[in-house]
Amino acid sequence: MDDKQNQLAGMAFLDFTVRFFTMVKNLYRHENQIRAHSLAFQTLIDLDSLPADRPCMTMSELAENLKITKQQLTKLVNDLEEKQLVERLHDKTNRRLVNISITTEGRMLLEQLKNAMLQTTLGALSGLSDGEIQQLKQALTAITPLIVKMTQNADAVPGLSSSTPDEGMGNDRVCRTLDSLSLGK
């Protein structure tokens, strides 16, 4: 693809991103301890997506993953710990290492917030026809692997996070939801 095509694709993606983030900010304004579009929410998503055999991250890993400084993370973790959503765990072999783990309360809050977001999404989708829901499902199915691929290249771009966008809610869950909504009409 030539530079002009890359420029046009980049502008189209930026336009979509701005519209999408505006929609997310407006749709998911749930009254809760944390907002769906906040750094605290992303922290809980990242911690909740860790494998069972390694259920925590060091402060340094989490700061790098969120692309914030350790000082910013300290304040964020203090706030989340005060709300009992995360906990600090000192490494047994090296007390200087501090691991962060999501608590049961944090998982429950995250699940409640995801469910509230899903209900809001279903409400927004209710105004679409079956054909439009299918079109949206096809578009999401097509764009997700492309965004994952773009995200994998994020380490080469300063300021971009390398966490994959299909963690957390999951594209499969979104498509199953769209299927059930379409079939339910």
Protein backbone atom coordinates (compact mmCIF):
# COMPACT_ATOMS: atom_id res chain seq x y z
CA MET A 1 0.00 0.00 0.00
CA ASP A 2 1.38 3.41 -0.88
CA ASP A 3 1.78 6.37 1.49
CA LYS A 4 -1.43 8.05 0.30
CA GLN A 5 -3.47 4.89 0.98
CA ASN A 6 -1.81 4.53 4.40
CA GLN A 7 -2.66 8.16 5.15
CA LEU A 8 -6.31 7.65 4.15
CA ALA A 9 -6.56 4.42 6.17
CA GLY A 10 -4.96 6.15 9.16
CA MET A 11 -7.39 9.06 8.95
CA ALA A 12 -10.38 6.71 8.66
CA PHE A 13 -9.16 4.72 11.66
CA LEU A 14 -8.63 7.91 13.67
CA ASP A 15 -12.13 9.12 12.79
CA PHE A 16 -13.58 5.76 13.87
CA THR A 17 -11.53 5.80 17.09
CA VAL A 18 -12.69 9.29 18.08
CA ARG A 19 -16.34 8.40 17.39
CA PHE A 20 -15.99 5.08 19.21
CA PHE A 21 -14.37 6.60 22.32
CA THR A 22 -16.98 9.34 22.40
CA MET A 23 -19.72 6.71 22.23
CA VAL A 24 -18.04 4.63 24.97
CA LYS A 25 -17.66 7.64 27.23
CA ASN A 26 -21.31 8.61 26.76
CA LEU A 27 -22.82 5.11 26.90
CA TYR A 28 -20.93 3.70 29.85
CA ARG A 29 -21.44 6.39 32.48
CA HIS A 30 -22.46 3.96 35.19
CA GLU A 31 -22.51 5.16 38.76
CA ASN A 32 -19.86 3.02 40.35
CA GLN A 33 -16.63 3.14 42.31
CA ILE A 34 -14.77 3.33 39.01
CA ARG A 35 -15.70 4.47 35.51
CA ALA A 36 -15.60 2.11 32.57
CA HIS A 37 -13.29 4.34 30.55
CA SER A 38 -10.81 5.02 33.36
CA LEU A 39 -7.27 3.91 34.11
CA ALA A 40 -8.60 2.19 37.24
CA PHE A 41 -10.93 0.10 35.06
CA GLN A 42 -8.05 -0.83 32.74
CA THR A 43 -5.97 -1.80 35.77
CA LEU A 44 -8.67 -4.17 36.99
CA ILE A 45 -9.10 -5.60 33.47
CA ASP A 46 -5.34 -6.22 33.20
CA LEU A 47 -5.12 -7.86 36.64
CA ASP A 48 -8.25 -9.94 36.06
CA SER A 49 -6.90 -11.29 32.76
CA LEU A 50 -3.76 -12.79 34.34
CA PRO A 51 -3.41 -16.57 34.18
CA ALA A 52 -4.31 -18.60 37.28
CA ASP A 53 -0.71 -19.76 37.70
CA ARG A 54 0.48 -16.13 37.96
CA PRO A 55 -2.39 -14.08 39.45
CA CYS A 56 -0.38 -10.91 40.11
CA MET A 57 1.94 -8.38 38.48
CA THR A 58 4.81 -6.41 39.89
CA MET A 59 4.31 -2.67 40.19
CA SER A 60 6.91 -2.20 37.44
CA GLU A 61 5.14 -4.61 35.06
CA LEU A 62 1.78 -2.98 35.71
CA ALA A 63 3.19 0.53 35.22
CA GLU A 64 4.76 -0.54 31.94
CA ASN A 65 1.58 -2.28 30.82
CA LEU A 66 -0.52 0.83 31.56
CA LYS A 67 2.17 3.13 30.12
CA ILE A 68 2.29 5.29 33.24
CA THR A 69 5.06 6.14 35.69
CA LYS A 70 5.55 4.17 38.89
CA GLN A 71 4.62 7.30 40.85
CA GLN A 72 1.30 7.57 38.99
CA LEU A 73 0.70 3.86 39.56
CA THR A 74 1.40 4.18 43.28
CA LYS A 75 -1.41 6.73 43.63
CA LEU A 76 -3.75 4.61 41.50
CA VAL A 77 -2.99 1.44 43.48
CA ASN A 78 -3.42 3.34 46.77
CA ASP A 79 -6.90 4.42 45.64
CA LEU A 80 -7.86 0.93 44.45
CA GLU A 81 -6.44 -0.67 47.60
CA GLU A 82 -8.41 1.76 49.78
CA LYS A 83 -11.55 0.59 47.96
CA GLN A 84 -10.40 -3.03 48.56
CA LEU A 85 -10.32 -3.75 44.82
CA VAL A 86 -6.63 -4.71 44.69
CA GLU A 87 -4.03 -5.78 47.21
CA ARG A 88 -0.29 -5.42 47.50
CA LEU A 89 1.66 -8.60 48.10
CA HIS A 90 5.33 -8.43 49.04
CA ASP A 91 7.51 -11.08 47.42
CA LYS A 92 8.67 -13.63 50.00
CA THR A 93 12.18 -13.90 48.59
CA ASN A 94 12.69 -10.24 47.73
CA ARG A 95 10.72 -7.85 49.95
CA ARG A 96 11.53 -4.95 47.62
CA LEU A 97 9.33 -6.52 44.94
CA VAL A 98 5.69 -5.55 45.33
CA ASN A 99 3.08 -7.55 43.46
CA ILE A 100 -0.43 -6.32 42.78
CA SER A 101 -3.40 -8.68 42.63
CA ILE A 102 -7.10 -8.10 42.08
CA THR A 103 -9.26 -8.98 45.10
CA THR A 104 -12.52 -10.91 45.13
CA GLU A 105 -14.29 -7.56 45.64
CA GLY A 106 -12.43 -6.18 42.62
CA ARG A 107 -13.51 -9.12 40.47
CA MET A 108 -17.10 -8.76 41.64
CA LEU A 109 -17.13 -5.02 40.89
CA LEU A 110 -15.56 -5.63 37.49
CA GLU A 111 -18.19 -8.27 36.68
CA GLN A 112 -21.00 -5.93 37.80
CA LEU A 113 -19.58 -3.14 35.65
CA LYS A 114 -19.22 -5.44 32.62
CA ASN A 115 -22.82 -6.61 33.07
CA ALA A 116 -24.05 -3.02 33.32
CA MET A 117 -22.06 -2.20 30.17
CA LEU A 118 -23.57 -5.20 28.40
CA GLN A 119 -27.10 -4.10 29.34
CA THR A 120 -26.35 -0.59 28.07
CA THR A 121 -24.95 -2.04 24.85
CA LEU A 122 -28.01 -4.25 24.37
CA GLY A 123 -30.19 -1.18 24.87
CA ALA A 124 -28.24 0.70 22.21
CA LEU A 125 -28.43 -2.30 19.85
CA SER A 126 -32.20 -2.61 20.28
CA GLY A 127 -32.67 0.25 17.82
CA LEU A 128 -30.91 -1.69 15.07
CA SER A 129 -32.55 -4.04 12.60
CA ASP A 130 -31.53 -7.71 12.32
CA GLY A 131 -29.57 -6.83 9.18
CA GLU A 132 -27.74 -3.99 10.90
CA ILE A 133 -26.86 -6.26 13.85
CA GLN A 134 -25.47 -8.85 11.42
CA GLN A 135 -23.51 -6.09 9.65
CA LEU A 136 -22.09 -4.93 12.98
CA LYS A 137 -21.17 -8.50 13.95
CA GLN A 138 -19.38 -9.02 10.62
CA ALA A 139 -17.52 -5.71 10.98
CA LEU A 140 -16.41 -6.55 14.54
CA THR A 141 -15.35 -10.03 13.48
CA ALA A 142 -13.30 -8.56 10.63
CA ILE A 143 -11.73 -5.67 12.53
CA THR A 144 -10.76 -7.49 15.74
CA PRO A 145 -7.82 -9.49 14.29
CA LEU A 146 -6.58 -6.35 12.53
CA ILE A 147 -6.63 -4.37 15.78
CA VAL A 148 -4.86 -7.24 17.56
CA LYS A 149 -2.19 -7.20 14.84
CA MET A 150 -1.85 -3.40 15.09
CA THR A 151 -1.57 -3.72 18.86
CA GLN A 152 1.19 -6.31 18.56
CA ASN A 153 3.21 -3.66 16.72
CA ALA A 154 2.50 -1.12 19.48
CA ASP A 155 5.84 -1.67 21.24
CA ALA A 156 7.50 0.03 18.26
CA VAL A 157 5.31 3.13 18.73
CA PRO A 158 6.00 5.31 21.79
CA GLY A 159 3.01 5.68 24.10
CA LEU A 160 1.01 2.70 22.85
CA SER A 161 0.09 -0.18 25.12
CA SER A 162 0.80 -3.71 23.99
CA SER A 163 -2.11 -5.28 25.87
CA THR A 164 -4.48 -6.85 23.38
CA PRO A 165 -7.94 -5.33 22.98
CA ASP A 166 -9.67 -8.70 22.95
CA GLU A 167 -8.81 -9.30 26.62
CA GLY A 168 -11.56 -8.66 29.13
CA MET A 169 -14.95 -8.54 27.42
CA GLY A 170 -13.79 -10.68 24.50
CA ASN A 171 -14.83 -10.49 20.85
CA ASP A 172 -16.44 -13.96 21.03
CA ARG A 173 -18.74 -12.78 23.82
CA VAL A 174 -19.69 -9.66 21.87
CA CYS A 175 -20.51 -11.71 18.76
CA ARG A 176 -22.52 -14.26 20.77
CA THR A 177 -24.45 -11.35 22.30
CA LEU A 178 -25.14 -9.91 18.85
CA ASP A 179 -26.27 -13.35 17.65
CA SER A 180 -28.67 -13.79 20.55
CA LEU A 181 -30.08 -10.29 20.11
CA SER A 182 -30.58 -10.85 16.39
CA LEU A 183 -32.19 -14.23 16.94
CA GLY A 184 -34.41 -12.85 19.67
CA LYS A 185 -36.11 -10.30 17.42
